[in-house]
PDB file of N, CA and C in Angstrom:
ATOM      1  N   MET A   1     116.355  96.706 114.512  1.00  0.00           N
ATOM      2  CA  MET A   1     116.995  97.445 113.440  1.00  0.00           C
ATOM      3  C   MET A   1     117.644  96.506 112.424  1.00  0.00           C
ATOM      4  N   LYS A   2     118.104  95.353 112.892  1.00  0.00           N
ATOM      5  CA  LYS A   2     118.700  94.401 111.956  1.00  0.00           C
ATOM      6  C   LYS A   2     117.666  93.956 110.923  1.00  0.00           C
ATOM      7  N   ASP A   3     116.446  93.652 111.382  1.00  0.00           N
ATOM      8  CA  ASP A   3     115.383  93.229 110.465  1.00  0.00           C
ATOM      9  C   ASP A   3     114.988  94.356 109.523  1.00  0.00           C
ATOM     10  N   TYR A   4     114.953  95.595 110.029  1.00  0.00           N
ATOM     11  CA  TYR A   4     114.622  96.751 109.188  1.00  0.00           C
ATOM     12  C   TYR A   4     115.656  96.888 108.067  1.00  0.00           C
ATOM     13  N   LYS A   5     116.927  96.792 108.418  1.00  0.00           N
ATOM     14  CA  LYS A   5     117.993  96.904 107.418  1.00  0.00           C
ATOM     15  C   LYS A   5     117.936  95.750 106.419  1.00  0.00           C
ATOM     16  N   LYS A   6     117.657  94.543 106.925  1.00  0.00           N
ATOM     17  CA  LYS A   6     117.562  93.369 106.058  1.00  0.00           C
ATOM     18  C   LYS A   6     116.415  93.539 105.059  1.00  0.00           C
ATOM     19  N   ASN A   7     115.266  94.068 105.535  1.00  0.00           N
ATOM     20  CA  ASN A   7     114.129  94.311 104.649  1.00  0.00           C
ATOM     21  C   ASN A   7     114.477  95.362 103.601  1.00  0.00           C
ATOM     22  N   ASN A   8     115.151  96.425 104.006  1.00  0.00           N
ATOM     23  CA  ASN A   8     115.546  97.462 103.047  1.00  0.00           C
ATOM     24  C   ASN A   8     116.449  96.897 101.957  1.00  0.00           C
ATOM     25  N   GLU A   9     117.378  96.028 102.341  1.00  0.00           N
ATOM     26  CA  GLU A   9     118.255  95.412 101.345  1.00  0.00           C
ATOM     27  C   GLU A   9     117.455  94.520 100.395  1.00  0.00           C
ATOM     28  N   ALA A  10     116.524  93.746 100.939  1.00  0.00           N
ATOM     29  CA  ALA A  10     115.730  92.831 100.115  1.00  0.00           C
ATOM     30  C   ALA A  10     114.823  93.568  99.137  1.00  0.00           C
ATOM     31  N   THR A  11     114.312  94.728  99.533  1.00  0.00           N
ATOM     32  CA  THR A  11     113.399  95.489  98.667  1.00  0.00           C
ATOM     33  C   THR A  11     114.121  96.592  97.891  1.00  0.00           C
ATOM     34  N   HIS A  12     115.422  96.657  98.038  1.00  0.00           N
ATOM     35  CA  HIS A  12     116.237  97.675  97.356  1.00  0.00           C
ATOM     36  C   HIS A  12     115.748  99.080  97.689  1.00  0.00           C
ATOM     37  N   ALA A  13     115.449  99.299  98.971  1.00  0.00           N
ATOM     38  CA  ALA A  13     114.910 100.584  99.441  1.00  0.00           C
ATOM     39  C   ALA A  13     115.686 101.032 100.682  1.00  0.00           C
ATOM     40  N   PRO A  14     116.895 101.582 100.507  1.00  0.00           N
ATOM     41  CA  PRO A  14     117.780 101.846 101.643  1.00  0.00           C
ATOM     42  C   PRO A  14     117.628 103.191 102.357  1.00  0.00           C
ATOM     43  N   LEU A  15     116.821 104.103 101.863  1.00  0.00           N
ATOM     44  CA  LEU A  15     116.837 105.465 102.398  1.00  0.00           C
ATOM     45  C   LEU A  15     115.515 105.883 103.042  1.00  0.00           C
ATOM     46  N   GLY A  16     114.828 104.989 103.709  1.00  0.00           N
ATOM     47  CA  GLY A  16     113.508 105.268 104.263  1.00  0.00           C
ATOM     48  C   GLY A  16     113.496 106.371 105.309  1.00  0.00           C
ATOM     49  N   LYS A  17     112.438 107.196 105.253  1.00  0.00           N
ATOM     50  CA  LYS A  17     112.258 108.282 106.211  1.00  0.00           C
ATOM     51  C   LYS A  17     110.767 108.405 106.520  1.00  0.00           C
ATOM     52  N   VAL A  18     110.422 108.525 107.795  1.00  0.00           N
ATOM     53  CA  VAL A  18     109.040 108.693 108.213  1.00  0.00           C
ATOM     54  C   VAL A  18     108.840 110.098 108.752  1.00  0.00           C
ATOM     55  N   SER A  19     107.821 110.790 108.261  1.00  0.00           N
ATOM     56  CA  SER A  19     107.444 112.108 108.771  1.00  0.00           C
ATOM     57  C   SER A  19     106.107 111.960 109.484  1.00  0.00           C
ATOM     58  N   ILE A  20     106.050 112.452 110.718  1.00  0.00           N
ATOM     59  CA  ILE A  20     104.842 112.334 111.533  1.00  0.00           C
ATOM     60  C   ILE A  20     104.149 113.685 111.604  1.00  0.00           C
ATOM     61  N   GLY A  21     102.848 113.706 111.297  1.00  0.00           N
ATOM     62  CA  GLY A  21     102.069 114.933 111.346  1.00  0.00           C
ATOM     63  C   GLY A  21     101.450 115.159 112.718  1.00  0.00           C
ATOM     64  N   GLY A  22     100.598 116.157 112.810  1.00  0.00           N
ATOM     65  CA  GLY A  22      99.906 116.474 114.056  1.00  0.00           C
ATOM     66  C   GLY A  22      98.898 115.400 114.436  1.00  0.00           C
ATOM     67  N   THR A  23      98.579 115.332 115.695  1.00  0.00           N
ATOM     68  CA  THR A  23      97.673 114.317 116.216  1.00  0.00           C
ATOM     69  C   THR A  23      96.307 114.378 115.528  1.00  0.00           C
ATOM     70  N   LYS A  24      95.829 113.227 115.009  1.00  0.00           N
ATOM     71  CA  LYS A  24      94.497 113.143 114.408  1.00  0.00           C
ATOM     72  C   LYS A  24      93.440 112.773 115.443  1.00  0.00           C
ATOM     73  N   PHE A  25      93.846 111.941 116.400  1.00  0.00           N
ATOM     74  CA  PHE A  25      92.913 111.489 117.430  1.00  0.00           C
ATOM     75  C   PHE A  25      93.720 111.118 118.662  1.00  0.00           C
ATOM     76  N   LYS A  26      93.173 111.444 119.827  1.00  0.00           N
ATOM     77  CA  LYS A  26      93.814 111.010 121.070  1.00  0.00           C
ATOM     78  C   LYS A  26      92.754 110.802 122.135  1.00  0.00           C
ATOM     79  N   GLU A  27      93.006 109.805 122.947  1.00  0.00           N
ATOM     80  CA  GLU A  27      92.108 109.508 124.053  1.00  0.00           C
ATOM     81  C   GLU A  27      92.951 109.088 125.253  1.00  0.00           C
ATOM     82  N   PHE A  28      92.755 109.762 126.362  1.00  0.00           N
ATOM     83  CA  PHE A  28      93.458 109.445 127.605  1.00  0.00           C
ATOM     84  C   PHE A  28      92.423 109.005 128.621  1.00  0.00           C
ATOM     85  N   ASN A  29      92.693 107.893 129.291  1.00  0.00           N
ATOM     86  CA  ASN A  29      91.766 107.349 130.263  1.00  0.00           C
ATOM     87  C   ASN A  29      92.574 106.898 131.481  1.00  0.00           C
ATOM     88  N   GLY A  30      92.876 107.815 132.363  1.00  0.00           N
ATOM     89  CA  GLY A  30      93.662 107.494 133.548  1.00  0.00           C
ATOM     90  C   GLY A  30      95.090 107.131 133.207  1.00  0.00           C
ATOM     91  N   THR A  31      95.408 105.849 133.249  1.00  0.00           N
ATOM     92  CA  THR A  31      96.773 105.403 132.991  1.00  0.00           C
ATOM     93  C   THR A  31      96.954 104.824 131.583  1.00  0.00           C
ATOM     94  N   ARG A  32      95.953 104.958 130.737  1.00  0.00           N
ATOM     95  CA  ARG A  32      96.020 104.423 129.371  1.00  0.00           C
ATOM     96  C   ARG A  32      95.798 105.549 128.359  1.00  0.00           C
ATOM     97  N   ALA A  33      96.426 105.391 127.185  1.00  0.00           N
ATOM     98  CA  ALA A  33      96.257 106.380 126.121  1.00  0.00           C
ATOM     99  C   ALA A  33      96.280 105.682 124.767  1.00  0.00           C
ATOM    100  N   TYR A  34      95.575 106.302 123.799  1.00  0.00           N
ATOM    101  CA  TYR A  34      95.461 105.795 122.434  1.00  0.00           C
ATOM    102  C   TYR A  34      95.605 107.005 121.530  1.00  0.00           C
ATOM    103  N   ILE A  35      96.588 107.001 120.625  1.00  0.00           N
ATOM    104  CA  ILE A  35      96.866 108.181 119.797  1.00  0.00           C
ATOM    105  C   ILE A  35      97.066 107.750 118.345  1.00  0.00           C
ATOM    106  N   ILE A  36      96.503 108.539 117.413  1.00  0.00           N
ATOM    107  CA  ILE A  36      96.665 108.284 115.981  1.00  0.00           C
ATOM    108  C   ILE A  36      97.301 109.513 115.335  1.00  0.00           C
ATOM    109  N   TYR A  37      98.349 109.259 114.547  1.00  0.00           N
ATOM    110  CA  TYR A  37      99.051 110.311 113.819  1.00  0.00           C
ATOM    111  C   TYR A  37      99.017 110.021 112.324  1.00  0.00           C
ATOM    112  N   PRO A  38      98.930 111.064 111.481  1.00  0.00           N
ATOM    113  CA  PRO A  38      99.137 110.849 110.057  1.00  0.00           C
ATOM    114  C   PRO A  38     100.642 110.713 109.808  1.00  0.00           C
ATOM    115  N   VAL A  39     101.028 109.824 108.891  1.00  0.00           N
ATOM    116  CA  VAL A  39     102.440 109.636 108.589  1.00  0.00           C
ATOM    117  C   VAL A  39     102.663 109.574 107.081  1.00  0.00           C
ATOM    118  N   THR A  40     103.847 109.989 106.688  1.00  0.00           N
ATOM    119  CA  THR A  40     104.281 109.867 105.303  1.00  0.00           C
ATOM    120  C   THR A  40     105.639 109.176 105.320  1.00  0.00           C
ATOM    121  N   PHE A  41     105.729 108.078 104.591  1.00  0.00           N
ATOM    122  CA  PHE A  41     106.972 107.336 104.489  1.00  0.00           C
ATOM    123  C   PHE A  41     107.530 107.559 103.090  1.00  0.00           C
ATOM    124  N   THR A  42     108.747 108.057 103.005  1.00  0.00           N
ATOM    125  CA  THR A  42     109.390 108.274 101.713  1.00  0.00           C
ATOM    126  C   THR A  42     110.637 107.398 101.635  1.00  0.00           C
ATOM    127  N   ASN A  43     110.952 106.982 100.428  1.00  0.00           N
ATOM    128  CA  ASN A  43     112.103 106.119 100.224  1.00  0.00           C
ATOM    129  C   ASN A  43     112.502 106.175  98.762  1.00  0.00           C
ATOM    130  N   THR A  44     113.605 105.531  98.460  1.00  0.00           N
ATOM    131  CA  THR A  44     114.028 105.326  97.084  1.00  0.00           C
ATOM    132  C   THR A  44     114.095 103.828  96.878  1.00  0.00           C
ATOM    133  N   GLN A  45     113.318 103.328  95.942  1.00  0.00           N
ATOM    134  CA  GLN A  45     113.266 101.890  95.693  1.00  0.00           C
ATOM    135  C   GLN A  45     113.697 101.617  94.263  1.00  0.00           C
ATOM    136  N   ASP A  46     114.770 100.861  94.102  1.00  0.00           N
ATOM    137  CA  ASP A  46     115.345 100.594  92.785  1.00  0.00           C
ATOM    138  C   ASP A  46     115.593 101.889  92.020  1.00  0.00           C
ATOM    139  N   GLY A  47     116.043 102.920  92.728  1.00  0.00           N
ATOM    140  CA  GLY A  47     116.371 104.193  92.105  1.00  0.00           C
ATOM    141  C   GLY A  47     115.195 105.120  91.875  1.00  0.00           C
ATOM    142  N   LYS A  48     113.988 104.706  92.205  1.00  0.00           N
ATOM    143  CA  LYS A  48     112.793 105.516  91.989  1.00  0.00           C
ATOM    144  C   LYS A  48     112.235 105.988  93.332  1.00  0.00           C
ATOM    145  N   ALA A  49     111.890 107.271  93.424  1.00  0.00           N
ATOM    146  CA  ALA A  49     111.301 107.809  94.652  1.00  0.00           C
ATOM    147  C   ALA A  49     109.907 107.233  94.851  1.00  0.00           C
ATOM    148  N   VAL A  50     109.628 106.777  96.078  1.00  0.00           N
ATOM    149  CA  VAL A  50     108.300 106.274  96.421  1.00  0.00           C
ATOM    150  C   VAL A  50     107.802 106.986  97.678  1.00  0.00           C
ATOM    151  N   VAL A  51     106.496 107.188  97.739  1.00  0.00           N
ATOM    152  CA  VAL A  51     105.873 107.868  98.870  1.00  0.00           C
ATOM    153  C   VAL A  51     104.635 107.073  99.280  1.00  0.00           C
ATOM    154  N   TYR A  52     104.539 106.765 100.568  1.00  0.00           N
ATOM    155  CA  TYR A  52     103.370 106.099 101.134  1.00  0.00           C
ATOM    156  C   TYR A  52     102.760 107.013 102.181  1.00  0.00           C
ATOM    157  N   LYS A  53     101.453 107.174 102.175  1.00  0.00           N
ATOM    158  CA  LYS A  53     100.765 107.971 103.181  1.00  0.00           C
ATOM    159  C   LYS A  53      99.815 107.074 103.961  1.00  0.00           C
ATOM    160  N   GLY A  54      99.735 107.302 105.252  1.00  0.00           N
ATOM    161  CA  GLY A  54      98.860 106.484 106.069  1.00  0.00           C
ATOM    162  C   GLY A  54      98.752 107.005 107.487  1.00  0.00           C
ATOM    163  N   GLU A  55      98.591 106.078 108.427  1.00  0.00           N
ATOM    164  CA  GLU A  55      98.426 106.441 109.840  1.00  0.00           C
ATOM    165  C   GLU A  55      99.275 105.547 110.720  1.00  0.00           C
ATOM    166  N   TRP A  56      99.680 106.105 111.843  1.00  0.00           N
ATOM    167  CA  TRP A  56     100.430 105.368 112.858  1.00  0.00           C
ATOM    168  C   TRP A  56      99.640 105.462 114.150  1.00  0.00           C
ATOM    169  N   THR A  57      99.347 104.338 114.739  1.00  0.00           N
ATOM    170  CA  THR A  57      98.592 104.277 115.990  1.00  0.00           C
ATOM    171  C   THR A  57      99.497 103.723 117.078  1.00  0.00           C
ATOM    172  N   ILE A  58      99.491 104.393 118.230  1.00  0.00           N
ATOM    173  CA  ILE A  58     100.249 103.883 119.369  1.00  0.00           C
ATOM    174  C   ILE A  58      99.344 103.832 120.596  1.00  0.00           C
ATOM    175  N   THR A  59      99.623 102.860 121.441  1.00  0.00           N
ATOM    176  CA  THR A  59      98.950 102.780 122.734  1.00  0.00           C
ATOM    177  C   THR A  59     100.020 102.953 123.803  1.00  0.00           C
ATOM    178  N   LEU A  60      99.615 103.602 124.899  1.00  0.00           N
ATOM    179  CA  LEU A  60     100.558 103.888 125.975  1.00  0.00           C
ATOM    180  C   LEU A  60      99.962 103.558 127.332  1.00  0.00           C
ATOM    181  N   ARG A  61     100.849 103.369 128.285  1.00  0.00           N
ATOM    182  CA  ARG A  61     100.443 103.139 129.673  1.00  0.00           C
ATOM    183  C   ARG A  61     101.305 104.019 130.565  1.00  0.00           C
ATOM    184  N   ARG A  62     100.659 104.670 131.516  1.00  0.00           N
ATOM    185  CA  ARG A  62     101.367 105.509 132.474  1.00  0.00           C
ATOM    186  C   ARG A  62     101.979 104.611 133.544  1.00  0.00           C
ATOM    187  N   SER A  63     103.282 104.731 133.744  1.00  0.00           N
ATOM    188  CA  SER A  63     103.995 103.932 134.734  1.00  0.00           C
ATOM    189  C   SER A  63     104.862 104.870 135.562  1.00  0.00           C
ATOM    190  N   LYS A  64     104.504 105.036 136.808  1.00  0.00           N
ATOM    191  CA  LYS A  64     105.199 105.958 137.708  1.00  0.00           C
ATOM    192  C   LYS A  64     105.203 107.362 137.108  1.00  0.00           C
ATOM    193  N   ALA A  65     106.354 107.874 136.710  1.00  0.00           N
ATOM    194  CA  ALA A  65     106.435 109.261 136.242  1.00  0.00           C
ATOM    195  C   ALA A  65     106.548 109.398 134.728  1.00  0.00           C
ATOM    196  N   ARG A  66     106.266 108.330 133.963  1.00  0.00           N
ATOM    197  CA  ARG A  66     106.415 108.450 132.497  1.00  0.00           C
ATOM    198  C   ARG A  66     105.393 107.592 131.762  1.00  0.00           C
ATOM    199  N   TRP A  67     105.207 107.922 130.487  1.00  0.00           N
ATOM    200  CA  TRP A  67     104.364 107.137 129.604  1.00  0.00           C
ATOM    201  C   TRP A  67     105.236 106.126 128.866  1.00  0.00           C
ATOM    202  N   GLU A  68     104.763 104.880 128.739  1.00  0.00           N
ATOM    203  CA  GLU A  68     105.484 103.834 128.030  1.00  0.00           C
ATOM    204  C   GLU A  68     104.627 103.324 126.881  1.00  0.00           C
ATOM    205  N   ILE A  69     105.239 103.128 125.729  1.00  0.00           N
ATOM    206  CA  ILE A  69     104.517 102.598 124.573  1.00  0.00           C
ATOM    207  C   ILE A  69     104.257 101.115 124.798  1.00  0.00           C
ATOM    208  N   THR A  70     102.995 100.718 124.657  1.00  0.00           N
ATOM    209  CA  THR A  70     102.619  99.317 124.837  1.00  0.00           C
ATOM    210  C   THR A  70     102.249  98.648 123.516  1.00  0.00           C
ATOM    211  N   GLY A  71     102.018  99.446 122.484  1.00  0.00           N
ATOM    212  CA  GLY A  71     101.675  98.885 121.185  1.00  0.00           C
ATOM    213  C   GLY A  71     101.867  99.908 120.081  1.00  0.00           C
ATOM    214  N   SER A  72     102.111  99.431 118.878  1.00  0.00           N
ATOM    215  CA  SER A  72     102.334 100.310 117.742  1.00  0.00           C
ATOM    216  C   SER A  72     101.893  99.586 116.473  1.00  0.00           C
ATOM    217  N   ALA A  73     101.178 100.313 115.595  1.00  0.00           N
ATOM    218  CA  ALA A  73     100.754  99.734 114.311  1.00  0.00           C
ATOM    219  C   ALA A  73     100.666 100.844 113.279  1.00  0.00           C
ATOM    220  N   SER A  74     100.925 100.510 112.047  1.00  0.00           N
ATOM    221  CA  SER A  74     100.781 101.496 110.978  1.00  0.00           C
ATOM    222  C   SER A  74     100.073 100.857 109.792  1.00  0.00           C
ATOM    223  N   ALA A  75      99.391 101.705 109.053  1.00  0.00           N
ATOM    224  CA  ALA A  75      98.696 101.269 107.835  1.00  0.00           C
ATOM    225  C   ALA A  75      98.853 102.358 106.797  1.00  0.00           C
ATOM    226  N   TYR A  76      99.204 101.962 105.605  1.00  0.00           N
ATOM    227  CA  TYR A  76      99.403 102.911 104.508  1.00  0.00           C
ATOM    228  C   TYR A  76      98.358 102.648 103.445  1.00  0.00           C
ATOM    229  N   SER A  77      97.567 103.673 103.118  1.00  0.00           N
ATOM    230  CA  SER A  77      96.479 103.485 102.166  1.00  0.00           C
ATOM    231  C   SER A  77      96.718 104.177 100.843  1.00  0.00           C
ATOM    232  N   GLU A  78      97.675 105.079 100.795  1.00  0.00           N
ATOM    233  CA  GLU A  78      97.938 105.810  99.565  1.00  0.00           C
ATOM    234  C   GLU A  78      99.414 105.671  99.238  1.00  0.00           C
ATOM    235  N   ASN A  79      99.734 105.471  97.958  1.00  0.00           N
ATOM    236  CA  ASN A  79     101.134 105.479  97.543  1.00  0.00           C
ATOM    237  C   ASN A  79     101.227 105.870  96.089  1.00  0.00           C
ATOM    238  N   ASN A  80     102.425 106.129  95.659  1.00  0.00           N
ATOM    239  CA  ASN A  80     102.616 106.564  94.273  1.00  0.00           C
ATOM    240  C   ASN A  80     103.164 105.458  93.378  1.00  0.00           C
ATOM    241  N   LEU A  81     103.008 104.203  93.801  1.00  0.00           N
ATOM    242  CA  LEU A  81     103.511 103.097  92.965  1.00  0.00           C
ATOM    243  C   LEU A  81     102.599 102.836  91.794  1.00  0.00           C
TER     244      LEU A  81
END
């Protein structure tokens, strides 16, 4: 969180919010899972509203009685800049 806040200060974008949509793709294989969600990131940068649209991918592993995130990546392909 310290790095996230530091980045927001450096880019003058302090009000970031991520909205996650319904699952676009999911695959479960025993103790492993791969899931893709559509995401929209909104913020205010230098006083101007900005919107980025893209995808968030997570990988998970089943450990005892719960799923644990083993990886996370996002890519944004559309924005209003």
